Amino acid sequence: MKRSWLLTLLGIALGALAGWAYWYWWGCTNGCAITSSPVNSSLYGGLMGALVVNSFKKEPTVSNNKTNN
């Protein structure tokens, strides 16, 4: 469980950094909802980072060893 949280936090941090970098080098100054502000771009990047990391998680499998007798 602890590893899961650490991976999610790592995804958020890397995504926020990538979002800020995108704003810094390619973001527009006005008219863009996400990339016109470093805060918006970083928050969006953090959200996307968390979603990407969590999309690769494996769900624990539950084995059902009951037989129908």
PDB file of N, CA and C in Angstrom:
ATOM      1  N   MET A   1       0.827  -1.191   0.000  1.00  0.00           N
ATOM      2  CA  MET A   1       0.000   0.000   0.000  1.00  0.00           C
ATOM      3  C   MET A   1       0.869   1.252   0.000  1.00  0.00           C
ATOM      4  N   LYS A   2       1.940   1.234   0.779  1.00  0.00           N
ATOM      5  CA  LYS A   2       2.810   2.395   0.846  1.00  0.00           C
ATOM      6  C   LYS A   2       3.480   2.648  -0.502  1.00  0.00           C
ATOM      7  N   ARG A   3       3.864   1.583  -1.187  1.00  0.00           N
ATOM      8  CA  ARG A   3       4.491   1.717  -2.499  1.00  0.00           C
ATOM      9  C   ARG A   3       3.521   2.345  -3.496  1.00  0.00           C
ATOM     10  N   SER A   4       2.259   1.999  -3.394  1.00  0.00           N
ATOM     11  CA  SER A   4       1.247   2.547  -4.283  1.00  0.00           C
ATOM     12  C   SER A   4       1.141   4.058  -4.130  1.00  0.00           C
ATOM     13  N   TRP A   5       1.135   4.519  -2.903  1.00  0.00           N
ATOM     14  CA  TRP A   5       1.062   5.965  -2.647  1.00  0.00           C
ATOM     15  C   TRP A   5       2.317   6.672  -3.135  1.00  0.00           C
ATOM     16  N   LEU A   6       3.470   6.049  -2.929  1.00  0.00           N
ATOM     17  CA  LEU A   6       4.716   6.669  -3.372  1.00  0.00           C
ATOM     18  C   LEU A   6       4.764   6.786  -4.893  1.00  0.00           C
ATOM     19  N   LEU A   7       4.307   5.767  -5.589  1.00  0.00           N
ATOM     20  CA  LEU A   7       4.275   5.831  -7.051  1.00  0.00           C
ATOM     21  C   LEU A   7       3.311   6.899  -7.544  1.00  0.00           C
ATOM     22  N   THR A   8       2.165   7.024  -6.877  1.00  0.00           N
ATOM     23  CA  THR A   8       1.203   8.055  -7.248  1.00  0.00           C
ATOM     24  C   THR A   8       1.789   9.442  -7.016  1.00  0.00           C
ATOM     25  N   LEU A   9       2.432   9.644  -5.874  1.00  0.00           N
ATOM     26  CA  LEU A   9       3.052  10.941  -5.591  1.00  0.00           C
ATOM     27  C   LEU A   9       4.177  11.246  -6.569  1.00  0.00           C
ATOM     28  N   LEU A  10       4.936  10.229  -6.949  1.00  0.00           N
ATOM     29  CA  LEU A  10       5.986  10.419  -7.936  1.00  0.00           C
ATOM     30  C   LEU A  10       5.389  10.822  -9.289  1.00  0.00           C
ATOM     31  N   GLY A  11       4.291  10.188  -9.664  1.00  0.00           N
ATOM     32  CA  GLY A  11       3.613  10.550 -10.912  1.00  0.00           C
ATOM     33  C   GLY A  11       3.094  11.973 -10.888  1.00  0.00           C
ATOM     34  N   ILE A  12       2.540  12.394  -9.743  1.00  0.00           N
ATOM     35  CA  ILE A  12       2.056  13.767  -9.610  1.00  0.00           C
ATOM     36  C   ILE A  12       3.211  14.758  -9.730  1.00  0.00           C
ATOM     37  N   ALA A  13       4.310  14.457  -9.042  1.00  0.00           N
ATOM     38  CA  ALA A  13       5.455  15.371  -9.061  1.00  0.00           C
ATOM     39  C   ALA A  13       6.054  15.475 -10.467  1.00  0.00           C
ATOM     40  N   LEU A  14       6.251  14.341 -11.126  1.00  0.00           N
ATOM     41  CA  LEU A  14       6.816  14.378 -12.477  1.00  0.00           C
ATOM     42  C   LEU A  14       5.859  15.041 -13.468  1.00  0.00           C
ATOM     43  N   GLY A  15       4.573  14.793 -13.313  1.00  0.00           N
ATOM     44  CA  GLY A  15       3.593  15.420 -14.194  1.00  0.00           C
ATOM     45  C   GLY A  15       3.523  16.925 -13.987  1.00  0.00           C
ATOM     46  N   ALA A  16       3.591  17.355 -12.725  1.00  0.00           N
ATOM     47  CA  ALA A  16       3.577  18.792 -12.448  1.00  0.00           C
ATOM     48  C   ALA A  16       4.825  19.462 -13.016  1.00  0.00           C
ATOM     49  N   LEU A  17       5.957  18.806 -12.888  1.00  0.00           N
ATOM     50  CA  LEU A  17       7.191  19.349 -13.450  1.00  0.00           C
ATOM     51  C   LEU A  17       7.095  19.425 -14.974  1.00  0.00           C
ATOM     52  N   ALA A  18       6.561  18.396 -15.587  1.00  0.00           N
ATOM     53  CA  ALA A  18       6.392  18.401 -17.044  1.00  0.00           C
ATOM     54  C   ALA A  18       5.399  19.476 -17.477  1.00  0.00           C
ATOM     55  N   GLY A  19       4.336  19.669 -16.705  1.00  0.00           N
ATOM     56  CA  GLY A  19       3.365  20.720 -17.015  1.00  0.00           C
ATOM     57  C   GLY A  19       3.977  22.105 -16.915  1.00  0.00           C
ATOM     58  N   TRP A  20       4.795  22.324 -15.891  1.00  0.00           N
ATOM     59  CA  TRP A  20       5.461  23.616 -15.748  1.00  0.00           C
ATOM     60  C   TRP A  20       6.447  23.833 -16.894  1.00  0.00           C
ATOM     61  N   ALA A  21       7.196  22.778 -17.249  1.00  0.00           N
ATOM     62  CA  ALA A  21       8.155  22.890 -18.344  1.00  0.00           C
ATOM     63  C   ALA A  21       7.437  23.196 -19.655  1.00  0.00           C
ATOM     64  N   TYR A  22       6.297  22.576 -19.864  1.00  0.00           N
ATOM     65  CA  TYR A  22       5.529  22.862 -21.076  1.00  0.00           C
ATOM     66  C   TYR A  22       5.101  24.319 -21.083  1.00  0.00           C
ATOM     67  N   TRP A  23       4.621  24.834 -19.971  1.00  0.00           N
ATOM     68  CA  TRP A  23       4.230  26.244 -19.898  1.00  0.00           C
ATOM     69  C   TRP A  23       5.430  27.147 -20.169  1.00  0.00           C
ATOM     70  N   TYR A  24       6.570  26.802 -19.591  1.00  0.00           N
ATOM     71  CA  TYR A  24       7.759  27.648 -19.694  1.00  0.00           C
ATOM     72  C   TYR A  24       8.256  27.756 -21.131  1.00  0.00           C
ATOM     73  N   TRP A  25       8.314  26.636 -21.858  1.00  0.00           N
ATOM     74  CA  TRP A  25       8.880  26.648 -23.191  1.00  0.00           C
ATOM     75  C   TRP A  25       7.860  26.835 -24.304  1.00  0.00           C
ATOM     76  N   TRP A  26       6.642  26.315 -24.160  1.00  0.00           N
ATOM     77  CA  TRP A  26       5.687  26.355 -25.261  1.00  0.00           C
ATOM     78  C   TRP A  26       4.339  26.970 -24.918  1.00  0.00           C
ATOM     79  N   GLY A  27       4.086  27.292 -23.674  1.00  0.00           N
ATOM     80  CA  GLY A  27       2.774  27.809 -23.283  1.00  0.00           C
ATOM     81  C   GLY A  27       2.442  29.142 -23.919  1.00  0.00           C
ATOM     82  N   CYS A  28       1.172  29.409 -24.088  1.00  0.00           N
ATOM     83  CA  CYS A  28       0.761  30.681 -24.672  1.00  0.00           C
ATOM     84  C   CYS A  28       0.511  31.701 -23.558  1.00  0.00           C
ATOM     85  N   THR A  29       0.482  32.967 -23.920  1.00  0.00           N
ATOM     86  CA  THR A  29       0.351  34.018 -22.911  1.00  0.00           C
ATOM     87  C   THR A  29      -1.099  34.368 -22.619  1.00  0.00           C
ATOM     88  N   ASN A  30      -1.990  34.181 -23.565  1.00  0.00           N
ATOM     89  CA  ASN A  30      -3.406  34.457 -23.302  1.00  0.00           C
ATOM     90  C   ASN A  30      -4.274  33.621 -24.236  1.00  0.00           C
ATOM     91  N   GLY A  31      -5.482  33.393 -23.824  1.00  0.00           N
ATOM     92  CA  GLY A  31      -6.425  32.662 -24.650  1.00  0.00           C
ATOM     93  C   GLY A  31      -6.405  31.151 -24.483  1.00  0.00           C
ATOM     94  N   CYS A  32      -5.427  30.616 -23.793  1.00  0.00           N
ATOM     95  CA  CYS A  32      -5.360  29.169 -23.569  1.00  0.00           C
ATOM     96  C   CYS A  32      -5.781  28.879 -22.133  1.00  0.00           C
ATOM     97  N   ALA A  33      -6.684  27.977 -21.963  1.00  0.00           N
ATOM     98  CA  ALA A  33      -7.204  27.700 -20.617  1.00  0.00           C
ATOM     99  C   ALA A  33      -6.177  27.018 -19.724  1.00  0.00           C
ATOM    100  N   ILE A  34      -5.400  26.120 -20.268  1.00  0.00           N
ATOM    101  CA  ILE A  34      -4.481  25.347 -19.436  1.00  0.00           C
ATOM    102  C   ILE A  34      -3.083  25.935 -19.441  1.00  0.00           C
ATOM    103  N   THR A  35      -2.550  26.246 -20.608  1.00  0.00           N
ATOM    104  CA  THR A  35      -1.139  26.610 -20.692  1.00  0.00           C
ATOM    105  C   THR A  35      -0.854  28.098 -20.535  1.00  0.00           C
ATOM    106  N   SER A  36      -1.852  28.926 -20.261  1.00  0.00           N
ATOM    107  CA  SER A  36      -1.582  30.351 -20.094  1.00  0.00           C
ATOM    108  C   SER A  36      -1.075  30.680 -18.690  1.00  0.00           C
ATOM    109  N   SER A  37      -1.206  29.756 -17.752  1.00  0.00           N
ATOM    110  CA  SER A  37      -0.778  29.981 -16.372  1.00  0.00           C
ATOM    111  C   SER A  37       0.106  28.815 -15.924  1.00  0.00           C
ATOM    112  N   PRO A  38       1.196  29.120 -15.229  1.00  0.00           N
ATOM    113  CA  PRO A  38       2.050  28.016 -14.755  1.00  0.00           C
ATOM    114  C   PRO A  38       1.343  27.150 -13.715  1.00  0.00           C
ATOM    115  N   VAL A  39       0.455  27.745 -12.940  1.00  0.00           N
ATOM    116  CA  VAL A  39      -0.284  26.975 -11.929  1.00  0.00           C
ATOM    117  C   VAL A  39      -1.230  25.995 -12.606  1.00  0.00           C
ATOM    118  N   ASN A  40      -2.008  26.478 -13.565  1.00  0.00           N
ATOM    119  CA  ASN A  40      -2.944  25.594 -14.269  1.00  0.00           C
ATOM    120  C   ASN A  40      -2.209  24.482 -15.001  1.00  0.00           C
ATOM    121  N   SER A  41      -1.125  24.840 -15.650  1.00  0.00           N
ATOM    122  CA  SER A  41      -0.365  23.855 -16.404  1.00  0.00           C
ATOM    123  C   SER A  41       0.241  22.804 -15.481  1.00  0.00           C
ATOM    124  N   SER A  42       0.753  23.227 -14.331  1.00  0.00           N
ATOM    125  CA  SER A  42       1.340  22.278 -13.371  1.00  0.00           C
ATOM    126  C   SER A  42       0.276  21.379 -12.753  1.00  0.00           C
ATOM    127  N   LEU A  43      -0.878  21.944 -12.415  1.00  0.00           N
ATOM    128  CA  LEU A  43      -1.960  21.126 -11.848  1.00  0.00           C
ATOM    129  C   LEU A  43      -2.462  20.097 -12.856  1.00  0.00           C
ATOM    130  N   TYR A  44      -2.626  20.521 -14.091  1.00  0.00           N
ATOM    131  CA  TYR A  44      -3.070  19.596 -15.126  1.00  0.00           C
ATOM    132  C   TYR A  44      -2.024  18.502 -15.360  1.00  0.00           C
ATOM    133  N   GLY A  45      -0.768  18.885 -15.379  1.00  0.00           N
ATOM    134  CA  GLY A  45       0.303  17.907 -15.546  1.00  0.00           C
ATOM    135  C   GLY A  45       0.348  16.924 -14.391  1.00  0.00           C
ATOM    136  N   GLY A  46       0.150  17.409 -13.169  1.00  0.00           N
ATOM    137  CA  GLY A  46       0.121  16.527 -12.003  1.00  0.00           C
ATOM    138  C   GLY A  46      -1.031  15.537 -12.068  1.00  0.00           C
ATOM    139  N   LEU A  47      -2.182  16.009 -12.498  1.00  0.00           N
ATOM    140  CA  LEU A  47      -3.338  15.120 -12.649  1.00  0.00           C
ATOM    141  C   LEU A  47      -3.066  14.053 -13.702  1.00  0.00           C
ATOM    142  N   MET A  48      -2.527  14.467 -14.828  1.00  0.00           N
ATOM    143  CA  MET A  48      -2.217  13.505 -15.883  1.00  0.00           C
ATOM    144  C   MET A  48      -1.131  12.528 -15.442  1.00  0.00           C
ATOM    145  N   GLY A  49      -0.146  12.997 -14.696  1.00  0.00           N
ATOM    146  CA  GLY A  49       0.892  12.110 -14.189  1.00  0.00           C
ATOM    147  C   GLY A  49       0.336  11.052 -13.255  1.00  0.00           C
ATOM    148  N   ALA A  50      -0.577  11.458 -12.365  1.00  0.00           N
ATOM    149  CA  ALA A  50      -1.190  10.495 -11.455  1.00  0.00           C
ATOM    150  C   ALA A  50      -2.030   9.475 -12.219  1.00  0.00           C
ATOM    151  N   LEU A  51      -2.760   9.927 -13.219  1.00  0.00           N
ATOM    152  CA  LEU A  51      -3.587   9.006 -13.997  1.00  0.00           C
ATOM    153  C   LEU A  51      -2.742   8.020 -14.789  1.00  0.00           C
ATOM    154  N   VAL A  52      -1.648   8.485 -15.349  1.00  0.00           N
ATOM    155  CA  VAL A  52      -0.780   7.597 -16.123  1.00  0.00           C
ATOM    156  C   VAL A  52      -0.158   6.540 -15.222  1.00  0.00           C
ATOM    157  N   VAL A  53       0.358   6.954 -14.064  1.00  0.00           N
ATOM    158  CA  VAL A  53       0.981   5.991 -13.144  1.00  0.00           C
ATOM    159  C   VAL A  53      -0.047   4.978 -12.653  1.00  0.00           C
ATOM    160  N   ASN A  54      -1.238   5.435 -12.316  1.00  0.00           N
ATOM    161  CA  ASN A  54      -2.257   4.526 -11.800  1.00  0.00           C
ATOM    162  C   ASN A  54      -2.862   3.638 -12.872  1.00  0.00           C
ATOM    163  N   SER A  55      -2.711   3.996 -14.130  1.00  0.00           N
ATOM    164  CA  SER A  55      -3.257   3.142 -15.184  1.00  0.00           C
ATOM    165  C   SER A  55      -2.446   1.863 -15.350  1.00  0.00           C
ATOM    166  N   PHE A  56      -1.210   1.831 -14.846  1.00  0.00           N
ATOM    167  CA  PHE A  56      -0.378   0.641 -14.948  1.00  0.00           C
ATOM    168  C   PHE A  56      -0.427  -0.237 -13.706  1.00  0.00           C
ATOM    169  N   LYS A  57      -1.230   0.127 -12.713  1.00  0.00           N
ATOM    170  CA  LYS A  57      -1.324  -0.675 -11.491  1.00  0.00           C
ATOM    171  C   LYS A  57      -2.082  -1.963 -11.755  1.00  0.00           C
ATOM    172  N   LYS A  58      -1.649  -3.006 -11.108  1.00  0.00           N
ATOM    173  CA  LYS A  58      -2.380  -4.269 -11.177  1.00  0.00           C
ATOM    174  C   LYS A  58      -3.284  -4.365  -9.956  1.00  0.00           C
ATOM    175  N   GLU A  59      -4.507  -4.726 -10.204  1.00  0.00           N
ATOM    176  CA  GLU A  59      -5.446  -4.947  -9.110  1.00  0.00           C
ATOM    177  C   GLU A  59      -5.177  -6.315  -8.498  1.00  0.00           C
ATOM    178  N   PRO A  60      -5.263  -6.439  -7.180  1.00  0.00           N
ATOM    179  CA  PRO A  60      -5.058  -7.743  -6.571  1.00  0.00           C
ATOM    180  C   PRO A  60      -6.168  -8.704  -7.002  1.00  0.00           C
ATOM    181  N   THR A  61      -5.756  -9.912  -7.314  1.00  0.00           N
ATOM    182  CA  THR A  61      -6.742 -10.914  -7.734  1.00  0.00           C
ATOM    183  C   THR A  61      -7.231 -11.690  -6.507  1.00  0.00           C
ATOM    184  N   VAL A  62      -8.493 -11.992  -6.512  1.00  0.00           N
ATOM    185  CA  VAL A  62      -9.108 -12.741  -5.434  1.00  0.00           C
ATOM    186  C   VAL A  62      -9.410 -14.121  -5.985  1.00  0.00           C
ATOM    187  N   SER A  63      -8.818 -15.129  -5.350  1.00  0.00           N
ATOM    188  CA  SER A  63      -9.070 -16.482  -5.823  1.00  0.00           C
ATOM    189  C   SER A  63     -10.260 -17.065  -5.068  1.00  0.00           C
ATOM    190  N   ASN A  64     -11.114 -17.699  -5.801  1.00  0.00           N
ATOM    191  CA  ASN A  64     -12.293 -18.315  -5.229  1.00  0.00           C
ATOM    192  C   ASN A  64     -12.131 -19.832  -5.358  1.00  0.00           C
ATOM    193  N   ASN A  65     -11.760 -20.474  -4.258  1.00  0.00           N
ATOM    194  CA  ASN A  65     -11.494 -21.905  -4.287  1.00  0.00           C
ATOM    195  C   ASN A  65     -12.709 -22.743  -3.890  1.00  0.00           C
ATOM    196  N   LYS A  66     -13.839 -22.125  -3.795  1.00  0.00           N
ATOM    197  CA  LYS A  66     -15.053 -22.870  -3.440  1.00  0.00           C
ATOM    198  C   LYS A  66     -15.538 -23.639  -4.666  1.00  0.00           C
ATOM    199  N   THR A  67     -16.006 -24.845  -4.430  1.00  0.00           N
ATOM    200  CA  THR A  67     -16.586 -25.640  -5.506  1.00  0.00           C
ATOM    201  C   THR A  67     -18.082 -25.772  -5.275  1.00  0.00           C
ATOM    202  N   ASN A  68     -18.795 -25.868  -6.324  1.00  0.00           N
ATOM    203  CA  ASN A  68     -20.237 -26.023  -6.200  1.00  0.00           C
ATOM    204  C   ASN A  68     -20.584 -27.500  -6.079  1.00  0.00           C
ATOM    205  N   ASN A  69     -20.716 -27.988  -4.854  1.00  0.00           N
ATOM    206  CA  ASN A  69     -21.087 -29.393  -4.618  1.00  0.00           C
ATOM    207  C   ASN A  69     -22.508 -29.506  -4.200  1.00  0.00           C
TER     208      ASN A  69
END
